[in-house]
Amino acid sequence: SALDAIVEHKANVPGISASWQQARQHWKTLRSNVTNRSITVPESYQSHTALVAELLLLDELLSDHFGLSFDPDAYAYHVTSAAVVNGPSFTEDLGKIRAKGAGILAQKVISPDDRAIMAALVAKAKERLQALQRTFDKAIALNPALREKLGASMEESTATVNRMMQLADDNIVKADLMTFSSPEYIAICTQAIDAQFKTNGVAMTELETYLNSRAAGLTSKNYLLTGIVLVFVLFSGLLGYLITSRLLKQLG
């Protein structure tokens, strides 16, 4: 509902509106299918994955619409890249590993295709984690104070995510038998995903604070410039009046 209001009042353009309405409709259909148990596990996985992809696209469109994707300020650009673009994509990678792995462990059997899929998902998540860390490092290099705000959550997130990926690697990708507990696997993966969401939340709060500060600074500059222009106009008018009066006096 909150996002619906934003799209309607602040981003009501054809591309964004259509993308949002499509995602909403697909969510309603998926929710109904899950509630009524009229969907299989593979179908549910595919439908959720497709829905999240639609939402990530909407995220990208909104970032472009509000100018976040091309912020000329390097610090804001890197924090935006981490919190708004790479962070959500990374949590989706982790979500795929959790969902796919949980299904495999619940069935206690893995096909060659599923093993290859899991291996690819884990490899992609590792690459995404490194890219995300590099982006945060670039932001911290521009503003060292960010390390104090993000340090603890980043350490927790990195540790739990590495544990999750090692768990998937050892007990699914490289394992001969699927004996690890599916509920325990879900719990460990959820802990890692929640830790990543926490890091994203801290980064989003920092981004919002920074952008609000910039906006306030620009507003103050605009007021200052407006005041200077008004003073200049008044001074020019007064000077013109004095010159005109003097000339008229001399002519008289």
C-alpha atoms as a PDB file:
ATOM      1  CA  SER A   1       0.000   0.000   0.000  1.00  0.00           C
ATOM      2  CA  ALA A   2       2.850   2.386   0.834  1.00  0.00           C
ATOM      3  CA  LEU A   3       4.611   1.685  -2.449  1.00  0.00           C
ATOM      4  CA  ASP A   4       1.332   1.976  -4.321  1.00  0.00           C
ATOM      5  CA  ALA A   5       0.928   5.526  -2.979  1.00  0.00           C
ATOM      6  CA  ILE A   6       4.488   6.419  -4.009  1.00  0.00           C
ATOM      7  CA  VAL A   7       3.995   5.112  -7.533  1.00  0.00           C
ATOM      8  CA  GLU A   8       0.643   6.891  -7.880  1.00  0.00           C
ATOM      9  CA  HIS A   9       1.693  10.294  -6.547  1.00  0.00           C
ATOM     10  CA  LYS A  10       5.429  10.542  -7.163  1.00  0.00           C
ATOM     11  CA  ALA A  11       6.328   8.124  -9.965  1.00  0.00           C
ATOM     12  CA  ASN A  12       3.199   7.827 -12.073  1.00  0.00           C
ATOM     13  CA  VAL A  13       4.907   7.262 -15.413  1.00  0.00           C
ATOM     14  CA  PRO A  14       3.954   4.510 -17.921  1.00  0.00           C
ATOM     15  CA  GLY A  15       6.957   2.210 -17.430  1.00  0.00           C
ATOM     16  CA  ILE A  16       6.873   2.249 -13.627  1.00  0.00           C
ATOM     17  CA  SER A  17       3.091   2.029 -13.305  1.00  0.00           C
ATOM     18  CA  ALA A  18       2.867  -0.920 -15.687  1.00  0.00           C
ATOM     19  CA  SER A  19       5.726  -2.739 -13.971  1.00  0.00           C
ATOM     20  CA  TRP A  20       4.178  -2.207 -10.545  1.00  0.00           C
ATOM     21  CA  GLN A  21       0.684  -3.288 -11.554  1.00  0.00           C
ATOM     22  CA  GLN A  22       2.074  -6.427 -13.186  1.00  0.00           C
ATOM     23  CA  ALA A  23       4.043  -7.345 -10.066  1.00  0.00           C
ATOM     24  CA  ARG A  24       1.006  -6.738  -7.844  1.00  0.00           C
ATOM     25  CA  GLN A  25      -1.171  -8.971  -9.993  1.00  0.00           C
ATOM     26  CA  HIS A  26       1.402 -11.747 -10.068  1.00  0.00           C
ATOM     27  CA  TRP A  27       1.752 -11.504  -6.282  1.00  0.00           C
ATOM     28  CA  LYS A  28      -2.020 -11.854  -5.790  1.00  0.00           C
ATOM     29  CA  THR A  29      -2.102 -14.901  -8.056  1.00  0.00           C
ATOM     30  CA  LEU A  30       0.872 -16.519  -6.350  1.00  0.00           C
ATOM     31  CA  ARG A  31      -0.480 -15.807  -2.880  1.00  0.00           C
ATOM     32  CA  SER A  32      -3.799 -17.402  -3.823  1.00  0.00           C
ATOM     33  CA  ASN A  33      -2.088 -20.483  -5.287  1.00  0.00           C
ATOM     34  CA  VAL A  34       0.054 -20.979  -2.185  1.00  0.00           C
ATOM     35  CA  THR A  35      -2.871 -20.415   0.191  1.00  0.00           C
ATOM     36  CA  ASN A  36      -5.035 -22.912  -1.710  1.00  0.00           C
ATOM     37  CA  ARG A  37      -2.115 -25.371  -2.100  1.00  0.00           C
ATOM     38  CA  SER A  38      -2.764 -25.497  -5.824  1.00  0.00           C
ATOM     39  CA  ILE A  39       0.904 -25.134  -6.793  1.00  0.00           C
ATOM     40  CA  THR A  40       3.813 -27.573  -6.693  1.00  0.00           C
ATOM     41  CA  VAL A  41       7.141 -26.853  -5.006  1.00  0.00           C
ATOM     42  CA  PRO A  42       9.037 -26.377  -8.318  1.00  0.00           C
ATOM     43  CA  GLU A  43       6.242 -24.137  -9.621  1.00  0.00           C
ATOM     44  CA  SER A  44       6.303 -22.123  -6.411  1.00  0.00           C
ATOM     45  CA  TYR A  45      10.076 -21.686  -6.649  1.00  0.00           C
ATOM     46  CA  GLN A  46       9.841 -20.544 -10.259  1.00  0.00           C
ATOM     47  CA  SER A  47       6.917 -18.193  -9.574  1.00  0.00           C
ATOM     48  CA  HIS A  48       8.600 -16.586  -6.549  1.00  0.00           C
ATOM     49  CA  THR A  49      11.839 -16.182  -8.482  1.00  0.00           C
ATOM     50  CA  ALA A  50      10.019 -14.532 -11.377  1.00  0.00           C
ATOM     51  CA  LEU A  51       8.107 -12.226  -9.026  1.00  0.00           C
ATOM     52  CA  VAL A  52      11.264 -11.079  -7.222  1.00  0.00           C
ATOM     53  CA  ALA A  53      12.873 -10.406 -10.613  1.00  0.00           C
ATOM     54  CA  GLU A  54       9.920  -8.140 -11.452  1.00  0.00           C
ATOM     55  CA  LEU A  55      10.309  -6.311  -8.151  1.00  0.00           C
ATOM     56  CA  LEU A  56      14.048  -5.850  -8.678  1.00  0.00           C
ATOM     57  CA  LEU A  57      13.288  -4.371 -12.091  1.00  0.00           C
ATOM     58  CA  LEU A  58      10.792  -2.008 -10.456  1.00  0.00           C
ATOM     59  CA  ASP A  59      13.496  -1.106  -7.929  1.00  0.00           C
ATOM     60  CA  GLU A  60      15.806  -0.206 -10.826  1.00  0.00           C
ATOM     61  CA  LEU A  61      13.132   1.868 -12.574  1.00  0.00           C
ATOM     62  CA  LEU A  62      12.371   3.804  -9.387  1.00  0.00           C
ATOM     63  CA  SER A  63      16.085   4.421  -8.779  1.00  0.00           C
ATOM     64  CA  ASP A  64      16.409   5.840 -12.280  1.00  0.00           C
ATOM     65  CA  HIS A  65      13.236   7.924 -11.925  1.00  0.00           C
ATOM     66  CA  PHE A  66      14.401   9.600  -8.706  1.00  0.00           C
ATOM     67  CA  GLY A  67      17.958  10.126  -9.964  1.00  0.00           C
ATOM     68  CA  LEU A  68      19.617   7.723  -7.531  1.00  0.00           C
ATOM     69  CA  SER A  69      21.231   5.614 -10.247  1.00  0.00           C
ATOM     70  CA  PHE A  70      23.212   8.540 -11.653  1.00  0.00           C
ATOM     71  CA  ASP A  71      23.972  10.596  -8.556  1.00  0.00           C
ATOM     72  CA  PRO A  72      26.930  12.883  -9.360  1.00  0.00           C
ATOM     73  CA  ASP A  73      28.136  12.617  -5.745  1.00  0.00           C
ATOM     74  CA  ALA A  74      30.530   9.639  -5.600  1.00  0.00           C
ATOM     75  CA  TYR A  75      29.699   8.729  -2.002  1.00  0.00           C
ATOM     76  CA  ALA A  76      25.946   8.729  -2.587  1.00  0.00           C
ATOM     77  CA  TYR A  77      26.446   6.761  -5.800  1.00  0.00           C
ATOM     78  CA  HIS A  78      28.385   3.951  -4.083  1.00  0.00           C
ATOM     79  CA  VAL A  79      26.032   3.734  -1.088  1.00  0.00           C
ATOM     80  CA  THR A  80      23.076   3.651  -3.476  1.00  0.00           C
ATOM     81  CA  SER A  81      24.722   0.921  -5.549  1.00  0.00           C
ATOM     82  CA  ALA A  82      25.252  -1.171  -2.421  1.00  0.00           C
ATOM     83  CA  ALA A  83      21.953  -0.595  -0.633  1.00  0.00           C
ATOM     84  CA  VAL A  84      19.491  -0.148  -3.494  1.00  0.00           C
ATOM     85  CA  VAL A  85      20.944  -2.252  -6.321  1.00  0.00           C
ATOM     86  CA  ASN A  86      23.535  -4.864  -5.293  1.00  0.00           C
ATOM     87  CA  GLY A  87      22.192  -5.530  -1.798  1.00  0.00           C
ATOM     88  CA  PRO A  88      18.660  -6.576  -2.808  1.00  0.00           C
ATOM     89  CA  SER A  89      20.021  -8.648  -5.711  1.00  0.00           C
ATOM     90  CA  PHE A  90      22.400 -10.410  -3.337  1.00  0.00           C
ATOM     91  CA  THR A  91      19.652 -11.255  -0.837  1.00  0.00           C
ATOM     92  CA  GLU A  92      17.663 -12.742  -3.721  1.00  0.00           C
ATOM     93  CA  ASP A  93      20.657 -14.947  -4.594  1.00  0.00           C
ATOM     94  CA  LEU A  94      20.686 -16.139  -0.993  1.00  0.00           C
ATOM     95  CA  GLY A  95      16.942 -16.689  -1.122  1.00  0.00           C
ATOM     96  CA  LYS A  96      17.331 -18.947  -4.148  1.00  0.00           C
ATOM     97  CA  ILE A  97      20.001 -20.993  -2.380  1.00  0.00           C
ATOM     98  CA  ARG A  98      17.715 -21.352   0.650  1.00  0.00           C
ATOM     99  CA  ALA A  99      14.633 -22.329  -1.326  1.00  0.00           C
ATOM    100  CA  LYS A 100      16.325 -24.684  -3.778  1.00  0.00           C
ATOM    101  CA  GLY A 101      18.474 -26.323  -1.126  1.00  0.00           C
ATOM    102  CA  ALA A 102      15.599 -26.779   1.310  1.00  0.00           C
ATOM    103  CA  GLY A 103      13.556 -28.576  -1.342  1.00  0.00           C
ATOM    104  CA  ILE A 104      16.437 -30.899  -2.191  1.00  0.00           C
ATOM    105  CA  LEU A 105      17.127 -31.749   1.459  1.00  0.00           C
ATOM    106  CA  ALA A 106      13.416 -32.316   2.132  1.00  0.00           C
ATOM    107  CA  GLN A 107      13.260 -34.831  -0.729  1.00  0.00           C
ATOM    108  CA  LYS A 108      16.626 -36.327   0.372  1.00  0.00           C
ATOM    109  CA  VAL A 109      17.661 -36.759  -3.245  1.00  0.00           C
ATOM    110  CA  ILE A 110      19.415 -34.558  -5.785  1.00  0.00           C
ATOM    111  CA  SER A 111      19.497 -34.812  -9.560  1.00  0.00           C
ATOM    112  CA  PRO A 112      22.564 -33.898 -11.630  1.00  0.00           C
ATOM    113  CA  ASP A 113      20.692 -30.844 -12.930  1.00  0.00           C
ATOM    114  CA  ASP A 114      19.808 -29.653  -9.420  1.00  0.00           C
ATOM    115  CA  ARG A 115      23.390 -30.174  -8.263  1.00  0.00           C
ATOM    116  CA  ALA A 116      24.623 -28.037 -11.151  1.00  0.00           C
ATOM    117  CA  ILE A 117      22.018 -25.369 -10.364  1.00  0.00           C
ATOM    118  CA  MET A 118      23.027 -25.256  -6.704  1.00  0.00           C
ATOM    119  CA  ALA A 119      26.714 -25.044  -7.610  1.00  0.00           C
ATOM    120  CA  ALA A 120      25.994 -22.129  -9.945  1.00  0.00           C
ATOM    121  CA  LEU A 121      23.864 -20.352  -7.323  1.00  0.00           C
ATOM    122  CA  VAL A 122      26.566 -20.654  -4.660  1.00  0.00           C
ATOM    123  CA  ALA A 123      29.284 -19.465  -7.062  1.00  0.00           C
ATOM    124  CA  LYS A 124      27.177 -16.487  -8.123  1.00  0.00           C
ATOM    125  CA  ALA A 125      26.439 -15.552  -4.500  1.00  0.00           C
ATOM    126  CA  LYS A 126      30.147 -15.623  -3.643  1.00  0.00           C
ATOM    127  CA  GLU A 127      30.918 -13.290  -6.544  1.00  0.00           C
ATOM    128  CA  ARG A 128      28.047 -10.978  -5.583  1.00  0.00           C
ATOM    129  CA  LEU A 129      29.255 -10.831  -1.971  1.00  0.00           C
ATOM    130  CA  GLN A 130      32.741  -9.780  -3.093  1.00  0.00           C
ATOM    131  CA  ALA A 131      31.290  -7.128  -5.413  1.00  0.00           C
ATOM    132  CA  LEU A 132      29.069  -5.813  -2.617  1.00  0.00           C
ATOM    133  CA  GLN A 133      31.994  -5.599  -0.220  1.00  0.00           C
ATOM    134  CA  ARG A 134      34.056  -3.709  -2.816  1.00  0.00           C
ATOM    135  CA  THR A 135      31.249  -1.204  -3.272  1.00  0.00           C
ATOM    136  CA  PHE A 136      31.003  -0.623   0.482  1.00  0.00           C
ATOM    137  CA  ASP A 137      34.808  -0.255   0.635  1.00  0.00           C
ATOM    138  CA  LYS A 138      34.641   2.497  -2.005  1.00  0.00           C
ATOM    139  CA  ALA A 139      32.004   4.341   0.023  1.00  0.00           C
ATOM    140  CA  ILE A 140      34.007   3.943   3.243  1.00  0.00           C
ATOM    141  CA  ALA A 141      37.115   5.284   1.502  1.00  0.00           C
ATOM    142  CA  LEU A 142      35.155   8.464   0.735  1.00  0.00           C
ATOM    143  CA  ASN A 143      33.594   8.649   4.197  1.00  0.00           C
ATOM    144  CA  PRO A 144      35.497   6.666   6.889  1.00  0.00           C
ATOM    145  CA  ALA A 145      32.709   7.370   9.405  1.00  0.00           C
ATOM    146  CA  LEU A 146      30.569   4.856   7.520  1.00  0.00           C
ATOM    147  CA  ARG A 147      32.762   2.038   8.828  1.00  0.00           C
ATOM    148  CA  GLU A 148      31.615   2.726  12.392  1.00  0.00           C
ATOM    149  CA  LYS A 149      27.981   2.595  11.332  1.00  0.00           C
ATOM    150  CA  LEU A 150      28.272  -0.497   9.122  1.00  0.00           C
ATOM    151  CA  GLY A 151      31.181  -2.364  10.697  1.00  0.00           C
ATOM    152  CA  ALA A 152      29.332  -4.598  13.170  1.00  0.00           C
ATOM    153  CA  SER A 153      26.449  -5.491  10.852  1.00  0.00           C
ATOM    154  CA  MET A 154      28.816  -6.137   7.940  1.00  0.00           C
ATOM    155  CA  GLU A 155      30.973  -8.492  10.005  1.00  0.00           C
ATOM    156  CA  GLU A 156      27.902 -10.381  11.212  1.00  0.00           C
ATOM    157  CA  SER A 157      26.460 -10.555   7.712  1.00  0.00           C
ATOM    158  CA  THR A 158      29.688 -11.742   6.107  1.00  0.00           C
ATOM    159  CA  ALA A 159      30.219 -14.420   8.750  1.00  0.00           C
ATOM    160  CA  THR A 160      26.682 -15.820   8.560  1.00  0.00           C
ATOM    161  CA  VAL A 161      26.586 -15.666   4.753  1.00  0.00           C
ATOM    162  CA  ASN A 162      29.914 -17.511   4.460  1.00  0.00           C
ATOM    163  CA  ARG A 163      28.599 -20.131   6.871  1.00  0.00           C
ATOM    164  CA  MET A 164      25.448 -20.502   4.785  1.00  0.00           C
ATOM    165  CA  MET A 165      27.322 -20.920   1.510  1.00  0.00           C
ATOM    166  CA  GLN A 166      29.763 -23.377   3.081  1.00  0.00           C
ATOM    167  CA  LEU A 167      26.809 -25.347   4.403  1.00  0.00           C
ATOM    168  CA  ALA A 168      25.215 -25.492   0.937  1.00  0.00           C
ATOM    169  CA  ASP A 169      28.539 -26.433  -0.621  1.00  0.00           C
ATOM    170  CA  ASP A 170      29.362 -29.231   1.819  1.00  0.00           C
ATOM    171  CA  ASN A 171      25.909 -30.741   2.346  1.00  0.00           C
ATOM    172  CA  ILE A 172      24.325 -30.342  -1.094  1.00  0.00           C
ATOM    173  CA  VAL A 173      26.724 -29.481  -3.916  1.00  0.00           C
ATOM    174  CA  LYS A 174      29.541 -31.844  -2.838  1.00  0.00           C
ATOM    175  CA  ALA A 175      27.591 -34.352  -0.745  1.00  0.00           C
ATOM    176  CA  ASP A 176      26.746 -37.844  -1.941  1.00  0.00           C
ATOM    177  CA  LEU A 177      23.770 -38.235   0.388  1.00  0.00           C
ATOM    178  CA  MET A 178      21.247 -35.541   1.302  1.00  0.00           C
ATOM    179  CA  THR A 179      21.157 -36.177   5.064  1.00  0.00           C
ATOM    180  CA  PHE A 180      21.295 -32.643   6.467  1.00  0.00           C
ATOM    181  CA  SER A 181      18.088 -31.444   8.156  1.00  0.00           C
ATOM    182  CA  SER A 182      15.988 -29.296   5.861  1.00  0.00           C
ATOM    183  CA  PRO A 183      14.447 -27.217   8.717  1.00  0.00           C
ATOM    184  CA  GLU A 184      17.907 -26.588  10.196  1.00  0.00           C
ATOM    185  CA  TYR A 185      19.197 -25.605   6.752  1.00  0.00           C
ATOM    186  CA  ILE A 186      16.321 -23.134   6.375  1.00  0.00           C
ATOM    187  CA  ALA A 187      17.022 -21.665   9.835  1.00  0.00           C
ATOM    188  CA  ILE A 188      20.728 -21.116   9.105  1.00  0.00           C
ATOM    189  CA  CYS A 189      19.994 -19.599   5.691  1.00  0.00           C
ATOM    190  CA  THR A 190      17.306 -17.339   7.148  1.00  0.00           C
ATOM    191  CA  GLN A 191      19.755 -16.089   9.770  1.00  0.00           C
ATOM    192  CA  ALA A 192      22.206 -15.138   6.996  1.00  0.00           C
ATOM    193  CA  ILE A 193      19.515 -13.454   4.901  1.00  0.00           C
ATOM    194  CA  ASP A 194      18.214 -11.495   7.904  1.00  0.00           C
ATOM    195  CA  ALA A 195      21.762 -10.351   8.694  1.00  0.00           C
ATOM    196  CA  GLN A 196      22.135  -9.114   5.112  1.00  0.00           C
ATOM    197  CA  PHE A 197      18.813  -7.274   5.330  1.00  0.00           C
ATOM    198  CA  LYS A 198      20.071  -5.648   8.541  1.00  0.00           C
ATOM    199  CA  THR A 199      23.209  -4.408   6.771  1.00  0.00           C
ATOM    200  CA  ASN A 200      21.080  -3.111   3.912  1.00  0.00           C
ATOM    201  CA  GLY A 201      18.850  -1.330   6.394  1.00  0.00           C
ATOM    202  CA  VAL A 202      21.796   0.452   8.011  1.00  0.00           C
ATOM    203  CA  ALA A 203      23.079   1.480   4.579  1.00  0.00           C
ATOM    204  CA  MET A 204      19.628   2.741   3.548  1.00  0.00           C
ATOM    205  CA  THR A 205      19.363   4.807   6.741  1.00  0.00           C
ATOM    206  CA  GLU A 206      22.797   6.315   6.062  1.00  0.00           C
ATOM    207  CA  LEU A 207      21.817   7.064   2.470  1.00  0.00           C
ATOM    208  CA  GLU A 208      18.578   8.739   3.544  1.00  0.00           C
ATOM    209  CA  THR A 209      20.381  10.830   6.169  1.00  0.00           C
ATOM    210  CA  TYR A 210      23.068  11.869   3.703  1.00  0.00           C
ATOM    211  CA  LEU A 211      20.607  12.781   0.953  1.00  0.00           C
ATOM    212  CA  ASN A 212      18.436  14.764   3.367  1.00  0.00           C
ATOM    213  CA  SER A 213      21.524  16.623   4.555  1.00  0.00           C
ATOM    214  CA  ARG A 214      22.501  17.404   0.963  1.00  0.00           C
ATOM    215  CA  ALA A 215      18.978  18.560   0.185  1.00  0.00           C
ATOM    216  CA  ALA A 216      18.974  20.853   3.219  1.00  0.00           C
ATOM    217  CA  GLY A 217      22.356  22.250   2.201  1.00  0.00           C
ATOM    218  CA  LEU A 218      21.197  22.903  -1.344  1.00  0.00           C
ATOM    219  CA  THR A 219      18.044  24.575  -0.047  1.00  0.00           C
ATOM    220  CA  SER A 220      20.130  26.877   2.154  1.00  0.00           C
ATOM    221  CA  LYS A 221      22.365  27.727  -0.810  1.00  0.00           C
ATOM    222  CA  ASN A 222      19.304  28.472  -2.925  1.00  0.00           C
ATOM    223  CA  TYR A 223      17.959  30.823  -0.249  1.00  0.00           C
ATOM    224  CA  LEU A 224      21.357  32.496   0.014  1.00  0.00           C
ATOM    225  CA  LEU A 225      21.624  32.935  -3.754  1.00  0.00           C
ATOM    226  CA  THR A 226      18.061  34.225  -3.932  1.00  0.00           C
ATOM    227  CA  GLY A 227      18.856  36.742  -1.197  1.00  0.00           C
ATOM    228  CA  ILE A 228      22.024  37.884  -2.986  1.00  0.00           C
ATOM    229  CA  VAL A 229      20.103  38.327  -6.246  1.00  0.00           C
ATOM    230  CA  LEU A 230      17.392  40.356  -4.479  1.00  0.00           C
ATOM    231  CA  VAL A 231      19.990  42.588  -2.830  1.00  0.00           C
ATOM    232  CA  PHE A 232      21.696  43.068  -6.196  1.00  0.00           C
ATOM    233  CA  VAL A 233      18.382  43.946  -7.860  1.00  0.00           C
ATOM    234  CA  LEU A 234      17.519  46.436  -5.105  1.00  0.00           C
ATOM    235  CA  PHE A 235      20.989  47.970  -5.234  1.00  0.00           C
ATOM    236  CA  SER A 236      20.818  48.207  -9.036  1.00  0.00           C
ATOM    237  CA  GLY A 237      17.404  49.836  -8.826  1.00  0.00           C
ATOM    238  CA  LEU A 238      18.567  52.332  -6.216  1.00  0.00           C
ATOM    239  CA  LEU A 239      21.704  53.125  -8.201  1.00  0.00           C
ATOM    240  CA  GLY A 240      19.648  53.598 -11.352  1.00  0.00           C
ATOM    241  CA  TYR A 241      17.261  55.868  -9.520  1.00  0.00           C
ATOM    242  CA  LEU A 242      20.110  58.014  -8.152  1.00  0.00           C
ATOM    243  CA  ILE A 243      21.786  58.284 -11.559  1.00  0.00           C
ATOM    244  CA  THR A 244      18.515  59.168 -13.268  1.00  0.00           C
ATOM    245  CA  SER A 245      17.689  61.781 -10.617  1.00  0.00           C
ATOM    246  CA  ARG A 246      21.123  63.367 -10.932  1.00  0.00           C
ATOM    247  CA  LEU A 247      20.888  63.522 -14.728  1.00  0.00           C
ATOM    248  CA  LEU A 248      17.408  65.037 -14.578  1.00  0.00           C
ATOM    249  CA  LYS A 249      18.619  67.598 -12.048  1.00  0.00           C
ATOM    250  CA  GLN A 250      21.556  68.561 -14.285  1.00  0.00           C
ATOM    251  CA  LEU A 251      19.307  68.804 -17.328  1.00  0.00           C
ATOM    252  CA  GLY A 252      16.872  70.935 -15.373  1.00  0.00           C
END
